[in-house]
Amino acid sequence: MSNALSRLLDLFPKTPEFIATVQSADHPNYKVLVVDGTGLVLCTSSTRFNVGDRVYISGNEIKRSAPTGVVYQIEV
């Protein structure tokens, strides 16, 4: 029987995911601006995205499209 805490921790992603907006698109290289204003990140993706698309990024890779809408930051 495995530890419940270790099973819970295995569900969390190993690297954080951020929502970003594509600023420059030269497939497969993209420059994205992270929504919280931390700056531009150079990312790669096998999927084609257009300038202005919102995406999830993790590390230097675009994972998938992100939903449109307002992003709120809360302090915990």
PDB file of N, CA and C in Angstrom:
ATOM      1  N   MET A   1       0.845  -1.176   0.000  1.00  0.00           N
ATOM      2  CA  MET A   1       0.000   0.000   0.000  1.00  0.00           C
ATOM      3  C   MET A   1       0.889   1.238   0.000  1.00  0.00           C
ATOM      4  N   SER A   2       0.605   2.197  -0.894  1.00  0.00           N
ATOM      5  CA  SER A   2       1.445   3.385  -0.994  1.00  0.00           C
ATOM      6  C   SER A   2       0.930   4.495  -0.078  1.00  0.00           C
ATOM      7  N   ASN A   3       1.806   5.440   0.161  1.00  0.00           N
ATOM      8  CA  ASN A   3       1.503   6.572   1.013  1.00  0.00           C
ATOM      9  C   ASN A   3       0.524   7.504   0.293  1.00  0.00           C
ATOM     10  N   ALA A   4      -0.521   7.935   0.978  1.00  0.00           N
ATOM     11  CA  ALA A   4      -1.528   8.810   0.367  1.00  0.00           C
ATOM     12  C   ALA A   4      -0.931  10.160  -0.023  1.00  0.00           C
ATOM     13  N   LEU A   5      -0.008  10.674   0.769  1.00  0.00           N
ATOM     14  CA  LEU A   5       0.612  11.961   0.453  1.00  0.00           C
ATOM     15  C   LEU A   5       1.449  11.870  -0.817  1.00  0.00           C
ATOM     16  N   SER A   6       2.204  10.808  -0.980  1.00  0.00           N
ATOM     17  CA  SER A   6       3.025  10.677  -2.189  1.00  0.00           C
ATOM     18  C   SER A   6       2.152  10.507  -3.428  1.00  0.00           C
ATOM     19  N   ARG A   7       1.025   9.826  -3.300  1.00  0.00           N
ATOM     20  CA  ARG A   7       0.100   9.697  -4.428  1.00  0.00           C
ATOM     21  C   ARG A   7      -0.509  11.047  -4.791  1.00  0.00           C
ATOM     22  N   LEU A   8      -0.822  11.868  -3.778  1.00  0.00           N
ATOM     23  CA  LEU A   8      -1.353  13.203  -4.027  1.00  0.00           C
ATOM     24  C   LEU A   8      -0.310  14.076  -4.716  1.00  0.00           C
ATOM     25  N   LEU A   9       0.924  14.043  -4.252  1.00  0.00           N
ATOM     26  CA  LEU A   9       1.988  14.848  -4.848  1.00  0.00           C
ATOM     27  C   LEU A   9       2.277  14.429  -6.283  1.00  0.00           C
ATOM     28  N   ASP A  10       2.079  13.166  -6.610  1.00  0.00           N
ATOM     29  CA  ASP A  10       2.290  12.688  -7.980  1.00  0.00           C
ATOM     30  C   ASP A  10       1.265  13.267  -8.959  1.00  0.00           C
ATOM     31  N   LEU A  11       0.128  13.743  -8.448  1.00  0.00           N
ATOM     32  CA  LEU A  11      -0.897  14.333  -9.309  1.00  0.00           C
ATOM     33  C   LEU A  11      -0.532  15.740  -9.769  1.00  0.00           C
ATOM     34  N   PHE A  12       0.303  16.440  -9.011  1.00  0.00           N
ATOM     35  CA  PHE A  12       0.685  17.809  -9.351  1.00  0.00           C
ATOM     36  C   PHE A  12       1.733  17.810 -10.454  1.00  0.00           C
ATOM     37  N   PRO A  13       1.688  18.816 -11.338  1.00  0.00           N
ATOM     38  CA  PRO A  13       2.720  18.898 -12.386  1.00  0.00           C
ATOM     39  C   PRO A  13       4.087  19.167 -11.765  1.00  0.00           C
ATOM     40  N   LYS A  14       5.123  18.642 -12.407  1.00  0.00           N
ATOM     41  CA  LYS A  14       6.487  18.802 -11.887  1.00  0.00           C
ATOM     42  C   LYS A  14       7.019  20.212 -12.119  1.00  0.00           C
ATOM     43  N   THR A  15       6.571  20.871 -13.192  1.00  0.00           N
ATOM     44  CA  THR A  15       6.947  22.263 -13.449  1.00  0.00           C
ATOM     45  C   THR A  15       5.667  23.089 -13.526  1.00  0.00           C
ATOM     46  N   PRO A  16       5.698  24.331 -13.070  1.00  0.00           N
ATOM     47  CA  PRO A  16       4.480  25.147 -13.089  1.00  0.00           C
ATOM     48  C   PRO A  16       4.045  25.498 -14.506  1.00  0.00           C
ATOM     49  N   GLU A  17       2.749  25.684 -14.687  1.00  0.00           N
ATOM     50  CA  GLU A  17       2.198  26.119 -15.972  1.00  0.00           C
ATOM     51  C   GLU A  17       1.719  27.554 -15.828  1.00  0.00           C
ATOM     52  N   PHE A  18       1.982  28.361 -16.850  1.00  0.00           N
ATOM     53  CA  PHE A  18       1.577  29.753 -16.862  1.00  0.00           C
ATOM     54  C   PHE A  18       0.723  30.015 -18.088  1.00  0.00           C
ATOM     55  N   ILE A  19      -0.155  31.005 -17.997  1.00  0.00           N
ATOM     56  CA  ILE A  19      -0.920  31.457 -19.156  1.00  0.00           C
ATOM     57  C   ILE A  19      -0.145  32.595 -19.793  1.00  0.00           C
ATOM     58  N   ALA A  20      -0.013  32.551 -21.115  1.00  0.00           N
ATOM     59  CA  ALA A  20       0.749  33.569 -21.833  1.00  0.00           C
ATOM     60  C   ALA A  20       0.046  33.907 -23.139  1.00  0.00           C
ATOM     61  N   THR A  21       0.426  35.040 -23.717  1.00  0.00           N
ATOM     62  CA  THR A  21      -0.107  35.489 -24.999  1.00  0.00           C
ATOM     63  C   THR A  21       1.012  35.462 -26.030  1.00  0.00           C
ATOM     64  N   VAL A  22       0.758  34.874 -27.189  1.00  0.00           N
ATOM     65  CA  VAL A  22       1.766  34.786 -28.248  1.00  0.00           C
ATOM     66  C   VAL A  22       2.011  36.190 -28.806  1.00  0.00           C
ATOM     67  N   GLN A  23       3.268  36.639 -28.774  1.00  0.00           N
ATOM     68  CA  GLN A  23       3.643  37.955 -29.276  1.00  0.00           C
ATOM     69  C   GLN A  23       4.304  37.878 -30.644  1.00  0.00           C
ATOM     70  N   SER A  24       5.023  36.788 -30.902  1.00  0.00           N
ATOM     71  CA  SER A  24       5.722  36.613 -32.176  1.00  0.00           C
ATOM     72  C   SER A  24       5.618  35.148 -32.564  1.00  0.00           C
ATOM     73  N   ALA A  25       5.199  34.887 -33.800  1.00  0.00           N
ATOM     74  CA  ALA A  25       5.003  33.516 -34.258  1.00  0.00           C
ATOM     75  C   ALA A  25       5.863  33.247 -35.480  1.00  0.00           C
ATOM     76  N   ASP A  26       6.868  32.392 -35.305  1.00  0.00           N
ATOM     77  CA  ASP A  26       7.713  31.915 -36.399  1.00  0.00           C
ATOM     78  C   ASP A  26       7.851  30.413 -36.172  1.00  0.00           C
ATOM     79  N   HIS A  27       6.796  29.665 -36.564  1.00  0.00           N
ATOM     80  CA  HIS A  27       6.683  28.235 -36.249  1.00  0.00           C
ATOM     81  C   HIS A  27       7.969  27.492 -36.574  1.00  0.00           C
ATOM     82  N   PRO A  28       8.547  26.693 -35.679  1.00  0.00           N
ATOM     83  CA  PRO A  28       8.074  26.249 -34.369  1.00  0.00           C
ATOM     84  C   PRO A  28       8.531  27.124 -33.200  1.00  0.00           C
ATOM     85  N   ASN A  29       9.131  28.282 -33.453  1.00  0.00           N
ATOM     86  CA  ASN A  29       9.599  29.156 -32.371  1.00  0.00           C
ATOM     87  C   ASN A  29       8.603  30.288 -32.142  1.00  0.00           C
ATOM     88  N   TYR A  30       8.289  30.518 -30.876  1.00  0.00           N
ATOM     89  CA  TYR A  30       7.318  31.546 -30.508  1.00  0.00           C
ATOM     90  C   TYR A  30       7.881  32.383 -29.372  1.00  0.00           C
ATOM     91  N   LYS A  31       7.536  33.672 -29.347  1.00  0.00           N
ATOM     92  CA  LYS A  31       7.809  34.527 -28.200  1.00  0.00           C
ATOM     93  C   LYS A  31       6.469  34.793 -27.545  1.00  0.00           C
ATOM     94  N   VAL A  32       6.379  34.482 -26.263  1.00  0.00           N
ATOM     95  CA  VAL A  32       5.118  34.650 -25.553  1.00  0.00           C
ATOM     96  C   VAL A  32       5.328  35.570 -24.362  1.00  0.00           C
ATOM     97  N   LEU A  33       4.309  36.363 -24.044  1.00  0.00           N
ATOM     98  CA  LEU A  33       4.327  37.265 -22.904  1.00  0.00           C
ATOM     99  C   LEU A  33       3.469  36.653 -21.811  1.00  0.00           C
ATOM    100  N   VAL A  34       4.087  36.367 -20.668  1.00  0.00           N
ATOM    101  CA  VAL A  34       3.368  35.748 -19.558  1.00  0.00           C
ATOM    102  C   VAL A  34       2.376  36.758 -18.994  1.00  0.00           C
ATOM    103  N   VAL A  35       1.170  36.298 -18.684  1.00  0.00           N
ATOM    104  CA  VAL A  35       0.065  37.172 -18.297  1.00  0.00           C
ATOM    105  C   VAL A  35       0.378  37.987 -17.048  1.00  0.00           C
ATOM    106  N   ASP A  36       1.103  37.419 -16.090  1.00  0.00           N
ATOM    107  CA  ASP A  36       1.358  38.170 -14.857  1.00  0.00           C
ATOM    108  C   ASP A  36       2.408  39.259 -15.036  1.00  0.00           C
ATOM    109  N   GLY A  37       2.920  39.428 -16.262  1.00  0.00           N
ATOM    110  CA  GLY A  37       3.833  40.523 -16.549  1.00  0.00           C
ATOM    111  C   GLY A  37       5.293  40.234 -16.276  1.00  0.00           C
ATOM    112  N   THR A  38       5.661  38.967 -16.127  1.00  0.00           N
ATOM    113  CA  THR A  38       7.057  38.652 -15.830  1.00  0.00           C
ATOM    114  C   THR A  38       7.961  38.810 -17.035  1.00  0.00           C
ATOM    115  N   GLY A  39       7.420  38.873 -18.224  1.00  0.00           N
ATOM    116  CA  GLY A  39       8.243  39.150 -19.395  1.00  0.00           C
ATOM    117  C   GLY A  39       8.065  38.155 -20.517  1.00  0.00           C
ATOM    118  N   LEU A  40       8.895  38.352 -21.557  1.00  0.00           N
ATOM    119  CA  LEU A  40       8.844  37.487 -22.739  1.00  0.00           C
ATOM    120  C   LEU A  40       9.598  36.192 -22.496  1.00  0.00           C
ATOM    121  N   VAL A  41       9.071  35.106 -23.031  1.00  0.00           N
ATOM    122  CA  VAL A  41       9.700  33.795 -22.940  1.00  0.00           C
ATOM    123  C   VAL A  41       9.757  33.214 -24.343  1.00  0.00           C
ATOM    124  N   LEU A  42      10.894  32.662 -24.731  1.00  0.00           N
ATOM    125  CA  LEU A  42      11.033  32.001 -26.026  1.00  0.00           C
ATOM    126  C   LEU A  42      10.612  30.551 -25.855  1.00  0.00           C
ATOM    127  N   CYS A  43       9.577  30.134 -26.589  1.00  0.00           N
ATOM    128  CA  CYS A  43       9.020  28.788 -26.461  1.00  0.00           C
ATOM    129  C   CYS A  43       8.963  28.100 -27.812  1.00  0.00           C
ATOM    130  N   THR A  44       8.810  26.781 -27.767  1.00  0.00           N
ATOM    131  CA  THR A  44       8.630  25.993 -28.981  1.00  0.00           C
ATOM    132  C   THR A  44       7.330  25.203 -28.868  1.00  0.00           C
ATOM    133  N   SER A  45       6.807  24.812 -30.034  1.00  0.00           N
ATOM    134  CA  SER A  45       5.588  24.013 -30.062  1.00  0.00           C
ATOM    135  C   SER A  45       5.490  23.301 -31.394  1.00  0.00           C
ATOM    136  N   SER A  46       4.935  22.093 -31.366  1.00  0.00           N
ATOM    137  CA  SER A  46       4.693  21.373 -32.611  1.00  0.00           C
ATOM    138  C   SER A  46       3.385  21.823 -33.251  1.00  0.00           C
ATOM    139  N   THR A  47       2.526  22.488 -32.480  1.00  0.00           N
ATOM    140  CA  THR A  47       1.256  23.006 -32.975  1.00  0.00           C
ATOM    141  C   THR A  47       1.429  24.456 -33.402  1.00  0.00           C
ATOM    142  N   ARG A  48       0.766  24.839 -34.468  1.00  0.00           N
ATOM    143  CA  ARG A  48       0.869  26.217 -34.971  1.00  0.00           C
ATOM    144  C   ARG A  48      -0.104  27.128 -34.213  1.00  0.00           C
ATOM    145  N   PHE A  49       0.406  28.272 -33.751  1.00  0.00           N
ATOM    146  CA  PHE A  49      -0.398  29.286 -33.073  1.00  0.00           C
ATOM    147  C   PHE A  49      -0.228  30.614 -33.790  1.00  0.00           C
ATOM    148  N   ASN A  50      -1.206  31.501 -33.627  1.00  0.00           N
ATOM    149  CA  ASN A  50      -1.166  32.826 -34.236  1.00  0.00           C
ATOM    150  C   ASN A  50      -0.848  33.877 -33.182  1.00  0.00           C
ATOM    151  N   VAL A  51      -0.385  35.036 -33.636  1.00  0.00           N
ATOM    152  CA  VAL A  51      -0.126  36.151 -32.729  1.00  0.00           C
ATOM    153  C   VAL A  51      -1.436  36.537 -32.047  1.00  0.00           C
ATOM    154  N   GLY A  52      -1.388  36.707 -30.734  1.00  0.00           N
ATOM    155  CA  GLY A  52      -2.579  37.055 -29.960  1.00  0.00           C
ATOM    156  C   GLY A  52      -3.255  35.871 -29.302  1.00  0.00           C
ATOM    157  N   ASP A  53      -2.903  34.643 -29.684  1.00  0.00           N
ATOM    158  CA  ASP A  53      -3.488  33.456 -29.055  1.00  0.00           C
ATOM    159  C   ASP A  53      -3.003  33.339 -27.618  1.00  0.00           C
ATOM    160  N   ARG A  54      -3.890  32.863 -26.748  1.00  0.00           N
ATOM    161  CA  ARG A  54      -3.505  32.602 -25.353  1.00  0.00           C
ATOM    162  C   ARG A  54      -3.168  31.124 -25.232  1.00  0.00           C
ATOM    163  N   VAL A  55      -2.069  30.834 -24.549  1.00  0.00           N
ATOM    164  CA  VAL A  55      -1.577  29.464 -24.454  1.00  0.00           C
ATOM    165  C   VAL A  55      -1.098  29.180 -23.033  1.00  0.00           C
ATOM    166  N   TYR A  56      -1.033  27.891 -22.701  1.00  0.00           N
ATOM    167  CA  TYR A  56      -0.389  27.445 -21.475  1.00  0.00           C
ATOM    168  C   TYR A  56       1.055  27.117 -21.807  1.00  0.00           C
ATOM    169  N   ILE A  57       1.998  27.611 -20.986  1.00  0.00           N
ATOM    170  CA  ILE A  57       3.399  27.262 -21.187  1.00  0.00           C
ATOM    171  C   ILE A  57       3.937  26.604 -19.927  1.00  0.00           C
ATOM    172  N   SER A  58       4.869  25.698 -20.118  1.00  0.00           N
ATOM    173  CA  SER A  58       5.561  25.037 -19.024  1.00  0.00           C
ATOM    174  C   SER A  58       7.003  24.870 -19.453  1.00  0.00           C
ATOM    175  N   GLY A  59       7.906  25.467 -18.690  1.00  0.00           N
ATOM    176  CA  GLY A  59       9.303  25.476 -19.114  1.00  0.00           C
ATOM    177  C   GLY A  59       9.426  26.337 -20.347  1.00  0.00           C
ATOM    178  N   ASN A  60       9.967  25.802 -21.409  1.00  0.00           N
ATOM    179  CA  ASN A  60      10.086  26.522 -22.679  1.00  0.00           C
ATOM    180  C   ASN A  60       9.245  25.865 -23.758  1.00  0.00           C
ATOM    181  N   GLU A  61       8.136  25.260 -23.356  1.00  0.00           N
ATOM    182  CA  GLU A  61       7.275  24.556 -24.302  1.00  0.00           C
ATOM    183  C   GLU A  61       5.832  25.026 -24.152  1.00  0.00           C
ATOM    184  N   ILE A  62       5.177  25.272 -25.279  1.00  0.00           N
ATOM    185  CA  ILE A  62       3.754  25.593 -25.263  1.00  0.00           C
ATOM    186  C   ILE A  62       2.995  24.273 -25.180  1.00  0.00           C
ATOM    187  N   LYS A  63       2.181  24.127 -24.144  1.00  0.00           N
ATOM    188  CA  LYS A  63       1.473  22.866 -23.912  1.00  0.00           C
ATOM    189  C   LYS A  63       0.174  22.762 -24.709  1.00  0.00           C
ATOM    190  N   ARG A  64      -0.664  23.821 -24.648  1.00  0.00           N
ATOM    191  CA  ARG A  64      -1.974  23.784 -25.303  1.00  0.00           C
ATOM    192  C   ARG A  64      -2.564  25.188 -25.280  1.00  0.00           C
ATOM    193  N   SER A  65      -3.701  25.351 -25.956  1.00  0.00           N
ATOM    194  CA  SER A  65      -4.404  26.634 -25.959  1.00  0.00           C
ATOM    195  C   SER A  65      -5.013  26.890 -24.588  1.00  0.00           C
ATOM    196  N   ALA A  66      -5.069  28.150 -24.214  1.00  0.00           N
ATOM    197  CA  ALA A  66      -5.678  28.546 -22.943  1.00  0.00           C
ATOM    198  C   ALA A  66      -7.011  29.227 -23.232  1.00  0.00           C
ATOM    199  N   PRO A  67      -7.939  29.163 -22.293  1.00  0.00           N
ATOM    200  CA  PRO A  67      -9.227  29.826 -22.508  1.00  0.00           C
ATOM    201  C   PRO A  67      -9.070  31.343 -22.495  1.00  0.00           C
ATOM    202  N   THR A  68      -9.939  32.016 -23.223  1.00  0.00           N
ATOM    203  CA  THR A  68      -9.927  33.476 -23.199  1.00  0.00           C
ATOM    204  C   THR A  68     -10.744  33.943 -22.008  1.00  0.00           C
ATOM    205  N   GLY A  69     -10.480  35.127 -21.558  1.00  0.00           N
ATOM    206  CA  GLY A  69     -11.200  35.676 -20.414  1.00  0.00           C
ATOM    207  C   GLY A  69     -10.245  36.431 -19.515  1.00  0.00           C
ATOM    208  N   VAL A  70     -10.758  36.877 -18.405  1.00  0.00           N
ATOM    209  CA  VAL A  70      -9.981  37.669 -17.462  1.00  0.00           C
ATOM    210  C   VAL A  70      -9.249  36.740 -16.505  1.00  0.00           C
ATOM    211  N   VAL A  71      -8.002  37.069 -16.200  1.00  0.00           N
ATOM    212  CA  VAL A  71      -7.216  36.306 -15.235  1.00  0.00           C
ATOM    213  C   VAL A  71      -7.109  37.126 -13.959  1.00  0.00           C
ATOM    214  N   TYR A  72      -7.501  36.546 -12.846  1.00  0.00           N
ATOM    215  CA  TYR A  72      -7.407  37.215 -11.556  1.00  0.00           C
ATOM    216  C   TYR A  72      -6.297  36.568 -10.753  1.00  0.00           C
ATOM    217  N   GLN A  73      -5.540  37.386 -10.056  1.00  0.00           N
ATOM    218  CA  GLN A  73      -4.514  36.862  -9.166  1.00  0.00           C
ATOM    219  C   GLN A  73      -4.998  37.029  -7.737  1.00  0.00           C
ATOM    220  N   ILE A  74      -4.901  35.966  -6.968  1.00  0.00           N
ATOM    221  CA  ILE A  74      -5.282  36.030  -5.563  1.00  0.00           C
ATOM    222  C   ILE A  74      -4.073  35.678  -4.724  1.00  0.00           C
ATOM    223  N   GLU A  75      -4.002  36.252  -3.557  1.00  0.00           N
ATOM    224  CA  GLU A  75      -2.899  35.965  -2.650  1.00  0.00           C
ATOM    225  C   GLU A  75      -3.392  34.990  -1.602  1.00  0.00           C
ATOM    226  N   VAL A  76      -2.645  33.930  -1.427  1.00  0.00           N
ATOM    227  CA  VAL A  76      -3.049  32.890  -0.483  1.00  0.00           C
ATOM    228  C   VAL A  76      -2.149  32.933   0.724  1.00  0.00           C
TER     229      VAL A  76
END
